Amino acid sequence: MEQQPSFNQSLAELEKILAELRSDSCDVDTLVQRTRRAVELLTFCRSRLTATEEELRGVLASLQSTQQ
């Protein structure tokens, strides 16, 4: 089973892909492949951010309830 890269690794790969897509070095043959990978990375990063936000809300809510 392949281990999922961390958020930071995914973000770094996404930034590398974006730089490649913006440069003149990206050829037509790899454009679709790189775009698909970028979408995968974006989806993963968004899901991690959403999960983290929900977890933080839970932690903060539990903190507030213990202070009351």
Protein backbone atom coordinates (compact mmCIF):
# COMPACT_ATOMS: atom_id res chain seq x y z
CA MET A 1 0.00 0.00 0.00
CA GLU A 2 1.40 3.38 -1.02
CA GLN A 3 1.65 5.96 1.75
CA GLN A 4 -0.09 9.27 1.14
CA PRO A 5 2.35 12.19 1.08
CA SER A 6 2.05 14.84 3.75
CA PHE A 7 0.20 18.09 3.19
CA ASN A 8 3.50 19.97 2.83
CA GLN A 9 4.88 17.43 0.35
CA SER A 10 1.68 17.65 -1.68
CA LEU A 11 1.75 21.42 -1.64
CA ALA A 12 5.40 21.45 -2.74
CA GLU A 13 4.63 19.07 -5.61
CA LEU A 14 1.66 21.20 -6.62
CA GLU A 15 3.81 24.34 -6.67
CA LYS A 16 6.38 22.52 -8.82
CA ILE A 17 3.68 21.43 -11.27
CA LEU A 18 2.27 24.96 -11.46
CA ALA A 19 5.72 26.38 -12.17
CA GLU A 20 6.18 23.76 -14.89
CA LEU A 21 2.78 24.54 -16.44
CA ARG A 22 3.58 28.26 -16.47
CA SER A 23 6.95 27.75 -18.10
CA ASP A 24 7.75 27.16 -21.72
CA SER A 25 9.19 23.75 -20.83
CA CYS A 26 5.79 22.08 -20.45
CA ASP A 27 5.00 20.22 -23.62
CA VAL A 28 1.58 19.28 -24.90
CA ASP A 29 2.19 15.57 -24.34
CA THR A 30 2.48 15.99 -20.57
CA LEU A 31 -0.02 18.82 -20.11
CA VAL A 32 -3.02 16.58 -19.37
CA GLN A 33 -1.00 14.28 -17.12
CA ARG A 34 0.38 17.17 -15.05
CA THR A 35 -3.04 18.83 -14.87
CA ARG A 36 -4.63 15.60 -13.60
CA ARG A 37 -1.96 15.26 -10.94
CA ALA A 38 -2.47 18.89 -9.92
CA VAL A 39 -6.20 18.24 -9.49
CA GLU A 40 -5.45 15.17 -7.34
CA LEU A 41 -3.12 17.22 -5.16
CA LEU A 42 -5.62 20.08 -4.87
CA THR A 43 -8.35 17.65 -3.84
CA PHE A 44 -6.10 16.08 -1.22
CA CYS A 45 -4.94 19.44 0.17
CA ARG A 46 -8.49 20.77 0.38
CA SER A 47 -9.69 17.66 2.19
CA ARG A 48 -6.81 17.90 4.69
CA LEU A 49 -7.55 21.57 5.32
CA THR A 50 -11.25 20.84 5.82
CA ALA A 51 -10.49 17.95 8.19
CA THR A 52 -8.04 20.09 10.14
CA GLU A 53 -10.52 22.93 10.41
CA GLU A 54 -13.21 20.58 11.72
CA GLU A 55 -10.80 19.05 14.23
CA LEU A 56 -9.71 22.49 15.45
CA ARG A 57 -13.33 23.55 15.89
CA GLY A 58 -13.91 20.46 18.01
CA VAL A 59 -10.84 21.13 20.13
CA LEU A 60 -11.79 24.77 20.63
CA ALA A 61 -15.37 23.83 21.47
CA SER A 62 -14.19 21.36 24.08
CA LEU A 63 -11.87 24.00 25.52
CA GLN A 64 -14.71 26.48 25.79
CA SER A 65 -16.96 23.93 27.48
CA THR A 66 -14.31 23.13 30.09
CA GLN A 67 -13.87 26.83 30.90
CA GLN A 68 -17.54 27.39 31.63
